[in-house]
């Protein structure tokens, strides 16, 4: 099995175990174990309407409704599945093999000798990983995983730790048309 297939299979497995009846969105959080792009890690998570209501009603500095709904900082963050990190040795190995097969691997010694060159390699790894996370989100819809588990289509939000304007493009690419309009509008509001 190659890394992209492992990402998708494990994400589908995680989502199949989500049981709360009011889940409205799934998160695919692209991160890197120990901030090392040679260790790409995908965290599969979700949020519920109950959590949004709780944040809005109990937080002294309650955010606006869209912020509570879409900003991962306010989500449950139960992090039921981490793919590719230390909790997933198979995924960690497959991720490193995938990077090597793409010709993007570098050693710690290379990083010390030419940091700028390895920084470029790291950026290339990140772009490829992010693209695979977006593809995984799209496949979760195309293969019927989302609808089977939740009984309806719900957004799959692919993001990094800090929400960025380009995450709107990621959401649009990884979901059926119109499904992420609320998230895209919220991302757009961050720039204004």
C-alpha atoms as a PDB file:
ATOM      1  CA  UNK A   1       0.000   0.000   0.000  1.00  0.00           C
ATOM      2  CA  UNK A   2       1.199   3.512  -0.759  1.00  0.00           C
ATOM      3  CA  UNK A   3       0.831   6.477   1.554  1.00  0.00           C
ATOM      4  CA  UNK A   4      -2.107   8.231  -0.218  1.00  0.00           C
ATOM      5  CA  UNK A   5      -4.134   5.006  -0.094  1.00  0.00           C
ATOM      6  CA  UNK A   6      -3.246   4.553   3.567  1.00  0.00           C
ATOM      7  CA  UNK A   7      -4.389   8.132   4.313  1.00  0.00           C
ATOM      8  CA  UNK A   8      -7.719   7.555   2.624  1.00  0.00           C
ATOM      9  CA  UNK A   9      -8.356   4.100   4.124  1.00  0.00           C
ATOM     10  CA  UNK A  10      -7.550   5.201   7.669  1.00  0.00           C
ATOM     11  CA  UNK A  11      -9.613   8.407   7.309  1.00  0.00           C
ATOM     12  CA  UNK A  12     -12.593   6.364   6.100  1.00  0.00           C
ATOM     13  CA  UNK A  13     -12.077   3.975   9.020  1.00  0.00           C
ATOM     14  CA  UNK A  14     -12.036   6.840  11.518  1.00  0.00           C
ATOM     15  CA  UNK A  15     -15.163   8.441  10.073  1.00  0.00           C
ATOM     16  CA  UNK A  16     -17.020   5.116  10.148  1.00  0.00           C
ATOM     17  CA  UNK A  17     -16.591   5.218  13.937  1.00  0.00           C
ATOM     18  CA  UNK A  18     -18.054   8.714  14.423  1.00  0.00           C
ATOM     19  CA  UNK A  19     -21.360   8.244  16.230  1.00  0.00           C
ATOM     20  CA  UNK A  20     -22.628  11.591  17.546  1.00  0.00           C
ATOM     21  CA  UNK A  21     -25.945  12.378  15.834  1.00  0.00           C
ATOM     22  CA  UNK A  22     -25.307  16.102  15.351  1.00  0.00           C
ATOM     23  CA  UNK A  23     -21.934  16.058  13.581  1.00  0.00           C
ATOM     24  CA  UNK A  24     -22.019  18.783  10.936  1.00  0.00           C
ATOM     25  CA  UNK A  25     -18.436  18.739   9.621  1.00  0.00           C
ATOM     26  CA  UNK A  26     -15.357  16.534   9.465  1.00  0.00           C
ATOM     27  CA  UNK A  27     -11.845  17.958   9.711  1.00  0.00           C
ATOM     28  CA  UNK A  28      -8.744  16.659   7.971  1.00  0.00           C
ATOM     29  CA  UNK A  29      -5.975  18.561   9.721  1.00  0.00           C
ATOM     30  CA  UNK A  30      -2.687  18.498   7.785  1.00  0.00           C
ATOM     31  CA  UNK A  31       0.214  18.660  10.209  1.00  0.00           C
ATOM     32  CA  UNK A  32       3.757  17.408  10.630  1.00  0.00           C
ATOM     33  CA  UNK A  33       5.023  15.450  13.601  1.00  0.00           C
ATOM     34  CA  UNK A  34       7.588  17.564  15.435  1.00  0.00           C
ATOM     35  CA  UNK A  35       7.119  20.224  12.686  1.00  0.00           C
ATOM     36  CA  UNK A  36       9.158  18.021  10.326  1.00  0.00           C
ATOM     37  CA  UNK A  37       7.702  17.881   6.810  1.00  0.00           C
ATOM     38  CA  UNK A  38       9.345  14.463   6.428  1.00  0.00           C
ATOM     39  CA  UNK A  39       6.732  13.244   8.937  1.00  0.00           C
ATOM     40  CA  UNK A  40       3.371  14.240   7.411  1.00  0.00           C
ATOM     41  CA  UNK A  41       0.484  13.576   9.770  1.00  0.00           C
ATOM     42  CA  UNK A  42      -3.243  13.782   9.132  1.00  0.00           C
ATOM     43  CA  UNK A  43      -5.593  14.197  12.088  1.00  0.00           C
ATOM     44  CA  UNK A  44      -9.188  13.166  11.366  1.00  0.00           C
ATOM     45  CA  UNK A  45     -11.711  14.894  13.608  1.00  0.00           C
ATOM     46  CA  UNK A  46     -15.247  16.314  13.680  1.00  0.00           C
ATOM     47  CA  UNK A  47     -17.449  18.866  15.378  1.00  0.00           C
ATOM     48  CA  UNK A  48     -21.059  18.863  16.566  1.00  0.00           C
ATOM     49  CA  UNK A  49     -23.928  21.321  16.743  1.00  0.00           C
ATOM     50  CA  UNK A  50     -23.958  20.709  20.505  1.00  0.00           C
ATOM     51  CA  UNK A  51     -20.352  21.932  20.763  1.00  0.00           C
ATOM     52  CA  UNK A  52     -21.158  25.095  18.794  1.00  0.00           C
ATOM     53  CA  UNK A  53     -24.127  25.812  21.068  1.00  0.00           C
ATOM     54  CA  UNK A  54     -22.003  25.200  24.162  1.00  0.00           C
ATOM     55  CA  UNK A  55     -19.252  27.552  22.980  1.00  0.00           C
ATOM     56  CA  UNK A  56     -21.774  30.267  22.157  1.00  0.00           C
ATOM     57  CA  UNK A  57     -23.634  29.957  25.465  1.00  0.00           C
ATOM     58  CA  UNK A  58     -20.834  29.385  27.972  1.00  0.00           C
ATOM     59  CA  UNK A  59     -17.744  31.149  26.664  1.00  0.00           C
ATOM     60  CA  UNK A  60     -17.371  34.530  28.435  1.00  0.00           C
ATOM     61  CA  UNK A  61     -15.721  35.921  25.326  1.00  0.00           C
ATOM     62  CA  UNK A  62     -18.084  34.057  23.015  1.00  0.00           C
ATOM     63  CA  UNK A  63     -17.078  34.270  19.370  1.00  0.00           C
ATOM     64  CA  UNK A  64     -19.532  35.018  16.614  1.00  0.00           C
ATOM     65  CA  UNK A  65     -21.572  32.029  15.432  1.00  0.00           C
ATOM     66  CA  UNK A  66     -19.507  31.434  12.265  1.00  0.00           C
ATOM     67  CA  UNK A  67     -16.282  31.580  14.253  1.00  0.00           C
ATOM     68  CA  UNK A  68     -17.595  29.003  16.748  1.00  0.00           C
ATOM     69  CA  UNK A  69     -18.767  26.806  13.873  1.00  0.00           C
ATOM     70  CA  UNK A  70     -15.705  26.840  11.616  1.00  0.00           C
ATOM     71  CA  UNK A  71     -12.647  27.791  13.660  1.00  0.00           C
ATOM     72  CA  UNK A  72     -11.007  24.526  14.717  1.00  0.00           C
ATOM     73  CA  UNK A  73      -9.887  26.190  17.957  1.00  0.00           C
ATOM     74  CA  UNK A  74     -13.513  25.952  19.176  1.00  0.00           C
ATOM     75  CA  UNK A  75     -14.109  22.380  18.028  1.00  0.00           C
ATOM     76  CA  UNK A  76     -14.231  19.351  20.312  1.00  0.00           C
ATOM     77  CA  UNK A  77     -10.720  18.350  19.226  1.00  0.00           C
ATOM     78  CA  UNK A  78     -11.175  14.761  20.337  1.00  0.00           C
ATOM     79  CA  UNK A  79      -8.625  13.782  17.653  1.00  0.00           C
ATOM     80  CA  UNK A  80      -9.806  10.177  17.350  1.00  0.00           C
ATOM     81  CA  UNK A  81      -7.348   9.288  14.588  1.00  0.00           C
ATOM     82  CA  UNK A  82      -3.847  10.448  13.725  1.00  0.00           C
ATOM     83  CA  UNK A  83      -2.502   9.047  10.464  1.00  0.00           C
ATOM     84  CA  UNK A  84       1.207   9.022   9.717  1.00  0.00           C
ATOM     85  CA  UNK A  85       2.458  10.152  13.106  1.00  0.00           C
ATOM     86  CA  UNK A  86       3.893   8.218  16.052  1.00  0.00           C
ATOM     87  CA  UNK A  87       0.522   6.571  16.747  1.00  0.00           C
ATOM     88  CA  UNK A  88       0.591   5.077  13.244  1.00  0.00           C
ATOM     89  CA  UNK A  89       3.997   3.435  12.612  1.00  0.00           C
ATOM     90  CA  UNK A  90       2.809   1.923   9.319  1.00  0.00           C
ATOM     91  CA  UNK A  91       1.668   5.337   8.111  1.00  0.00           C
ATOM     92  CA  UNK A  92       4.909   6.926   9.269  1.00  0.00           C
ATOM     93  CA  UNK A  93       6.926   4.364   7.274  1.00  0.00           C
ATOM     94  CA  UNK A  94       4.673   4.677   4.203  1.00  0.00           C
ATOM     95  CA  UNK A  95       4.873   8.478   4.364  1.00  0.00           C
ATOM     96  CA  UNK A  96       8.663   8.409   4.382  1.00  0.00           C
ATOM     97  CA  UNK A  97       8.744   5.877   1.520  1.00  0.00           C
ATOM     98  CA  UNK A  98       6.336   8.104  -0.437  1.00  0.00           C
ATOM     99  CA  UNK A  99       8.603  11.133   0.074  1.00  0.00           C
ATOM    100  CA  UNK A 100      11.685   9.146  -0.975  1.00  0.00           C
ATOM    101  CA  UNK A 101       9.930   7.796  -4.087  1.00  0.00           C
ATOM    102  CA  UNK A 102       9.150  11.396  -5.091  1.00  0.00           C
ATOM    103  CA  UNK A 103      12.837  12.318  -4.754  1.00  0.00           C
ATOM    104  CA  UNK A 104      12.140  14.815  -1.984  1.00  0.00           C
ATOM    105  CA  UNK A 105      13.813  13.124   0.982  1.00  0.00           C
ATOM    106  CA  UNK A 106      16.698  14.864   2.742  1.00  0.00           C
ATOM    107  CA  UNK A 107      18.795  13.931   5.742  1.00  0.00           C
ATOM    108  CA  UNK A 108      19.423  15.921   8.900  1.00  0.00           C
ATOM    109  CA  UNK A 109      23.003  16.381   7.667  1.00  0.00           C
ATOM    110  CA  UNK A 110      21.760  17.845   4.386  1.00  0.00           C
ATOM    111  CA  UNK A 111      19.509  20.194   6.319  1.00  0.00           C
ATOM    112  CA  UNK A 112      22.492  21.423   8.362  1.00  0.00           C
ATOM    113  CA  UNK A 113      24.665  21.837   5.269  1.00  0.00           C
ATOM    114  CA  UNK A 114      22.096  23.599   3.045  1.00  0.00           C
ATOM    115  CA  UNK A 115      19.032  24.715   4.961  1.00  0.00           C
ATOM    116  CA  UNK A 116      17.588  26.719   2.049  1.00  0.00           C
ATOM    117  CA  UNK A 117      17.646  23.722  -0.302  1.00  0.00           C
ATOM    118  CA  UNK A 118      15.979  21.458   2.250  1.00  0.00           C
ATOM    119  CA  UNK A 119      13.428  24.181   2.994  1.00  0.00           C
ATOM    120  CA  UNK A 120      12.425  24.049  -0.685  1.00  0.00           C
ATOM    121  CA  UNK A 121      12.187  20.257  -0.509  1.00  0.00           C
ATOM    122  CA  UNK A 122      10.033  20.582   2.606  1.00  0.00           C
ATOM    123  CA  UNK A 123       7.713  23.000   0.797  1.00  0.00           C
ATOM    124  CA  UNK A 124       7.370  20.522  -2.061  1.00  0.00           C
ATOM    125  CA  UNK A 125       6.568  17.728   0.397  1.00  0.00           C
ATOM    126  CA  UNK A 126       3.936  19.918   2.078  1.00  0.00           C
ATOM    127  CA  UNK A 127       2.256  20.800  -1.243  1.00  0.00           C
ATOM    128  CA  UNK A 128       2.093  17.127  -2.248  1.00  0.00           C
ATOM    129  CA  UNK A 129       0.767  16.096   1.168  1.00  0.00           C
ATOM    130  CA  UNK A 130      -1.879  18.821   1.182  1.00  0.00           C
ATOM    131  CA  UNK A 131      -3.005  17.740  -2.309  1.00  0.00           C
ATOM    132  CA  UNK A 132      -3.376  14.151  -1.090  1.00  0.00           C
ATOM    133  CA  UNK A 133      -5.425  15.303   1.913  1.00  0.00           C
ATOM    134  CA  UNK A 134      -7.742  17.241  -0.414  1.00  0.00           C
ATOM    135  CA  UNK A 135      -8.050  14.168  -2.673  1.00  0.00           C
ATOM    136  CA  UNK A 136      -8.885  12.041   0.373  1.00  0.00           C
ATOM    137  CA  UNK A 137     -11.656  14.466   1.332  1.00  0.00           C
ATOM    138  CA  UNK A 138     -13.094  14.394  -2.178  1.00  0.00           C
ATOM    139  CA  UNK A 139     -12.941  10.578  -2.270  1.00  0.00           C
ATOM    140  CA  UNK A 140     -14.768  10.325   1.045  1.00  0.00           C
ATOM    141  CA  UNK A 141     -17.675  12.004  -0.745  1.00  0.00           C
ATOM    142  CA  UNK A 142     -17.283  10.249  -4.105  1.00  0.00           C
ATOM    143  CA  UNK A 143     -17.096   6.785  -2.556  1.00  0.00           C
ATOM    144  CA  UNK A 144     -20.170   7.464  -0.418  1.00  0.00           C
ATOM    145  CA  UNK A 145     -18.379   7.206   2.944  1.00  0.00           C
ATOM    146  CA  UNK A 146     -19.689  10.549   4.219  1.00  0.00           C
ATOM    147  CA  UNK A 147     -23.291   9.949   3.188  1.00  0.00           C
ATOM    148  CA  UNK A 148     -23.292   6.376   4.494  1.00  0.00           C
ATOM    149  CA  UNK A 149     -22.032   7.416   7.938  1.00  0.00           C
ATOM    150  CA  UNK A 150     -23.997  10.650   8.355  1.00  0.00           C
ATOM    151  CA  UNK A 151     -27.017  10.002   6.156  1.00  0.00           C
ATOM    152  CA  UNK A 152     -26.328  13.180   4.197  1.00  0.00           C
ATOM    153  CA  UNK A 153     -23.386  15.069   2.713  1.00  0.00           C
ATOM    154  CA  UNK A 154     -21.492  17.168   5.242  1.00  0.00           C
ATOM    155  CA  UNK A 155     -18.381  19.313   4.670  1.00  0.00           C
ATOM    156  CA  UNK A 156     -14.903  17.837   4.898  1.00  0.00           C
ATOM    157  CA  UNK A 157     -12.649  20.711   5.944  1.00  0.00           C
ATOM    158  CA  UNK A 158      -8.982  20.247   5.018  1.00  0.00           C
ATOM    159  CA  UNK A 159      -6.875  22.721   6.960  1.00  0.00           C
ATOM    160  CA  UNK A 160      -3.657  23.495   8.771  1.00  0.00           C
ATOM    161  CA  UNK A 161      -3.462  24.636  12.393  1.00  0.00           C
ATOM    162  CA  UNK A 162      -4.021  28.290  11.537  1.00  0.00           C
ATOM    163  CA  UNK A 163      -6.817  28.989   9.070  1.00  0.00           C
ATOM    164  CA  UNK A 164      -5.535  30.635   5.891  1.00  0.00           C
ATOM    165  CA  UNK A 165      -7.291  32.131   2.840  1.00  0.00           C
ATOM    166  CA  UNK A 166      -6.169  29.213   0.630  1.00  0.00           C
ATOM    167  CA  UNK A 167      -8.124  26.802   2.853  1.00  0.00           C
ATOM    168  CA  UNK A 168     -11.274  28.017   1.087  1.00  0.00           C
ATOM    169  CA  UNK A 169      -9.823  26.672  -2.176  1.00  0.00           C
ATOM    170  CA  UNK A 170      -8.951  23.401  -0.451  1.00  0.00           C
ATOM    171  CA  UNK A 171     -12.529  23.073   0.838  1.00  0.00           C
ATOM    172  CA  UNK A 172     -14.022  23.791  -2.580  1.00  0.00           C
ATOM    173  CA  UNK A 173     -11.709  21.225  -4.214  1.00  0.00           C
ATOM    174  CA  UNK A 174     -12.452  18.537  -1.622  1.00  0.00           C
ATOM    175  CA  UNK A 175     -16.251  18.764  -1.462  1.00  0.00           C
ATOM    176  CA  UNK A 176     -19.320  18.682  -3.726  1.00  0.00           C
ATOM    177  CA  UNK A 177     -20.327  22.088  -5.154  1.00  0.00           C
ATOM    178  CA  UNK A 178     -21.932  24.440  -2.654  1.00  0.00           C
ATOM    179  CA  UNK A 179     -21.455  22.212   0.381  1.00  0.00           C
ATOM    180  CA  UNK A 180     -18.804  24.435   1.971  1.00  0.00           C
ATOM    181  CA  UNK A 181     -20.331  27.844   1.240  1.00  0.00           C
ATOM    182  CA  UNK A 182     -20.567  28.714   4.952  1.00  0.00           C
ATOM    183  CA  UNK A 183     -16.952  27.780   5.593  1.00  0.00           C
ATOM    184  CA  UNK A 184     -15.740  29.647   2.491  1.00  0.00           C
ATOM    185  CA  UNK A 185     -17.659  32.764   3.564  1.00  0.00           C
ATOM    186  CA  UNK A 186     -16.131  32.554   7.036  1.00  0.00           C
ATOM    187  CA  UNK A 187     -12.607  32.232   5.592  1.00  0.00           C
ATOM    188  CA  UNK A 188     -13.292  35.260   3.357  1.00  0.00           C
ATOM    189  CA  UNK A 189     -14.416  37.242   6.420  1.00  0.00           C
ATOM    190  CA  UNK A 190     -11.025  36.707   8.058  1.00  0.00           C
ATOM    191  CA  UNK A 191      -9.417  38.927   5.405  1.00  0.00           C
ATOM    192  CA  UNK A 192     -11.861  41.791   5.822  1.00  0.00           C
END
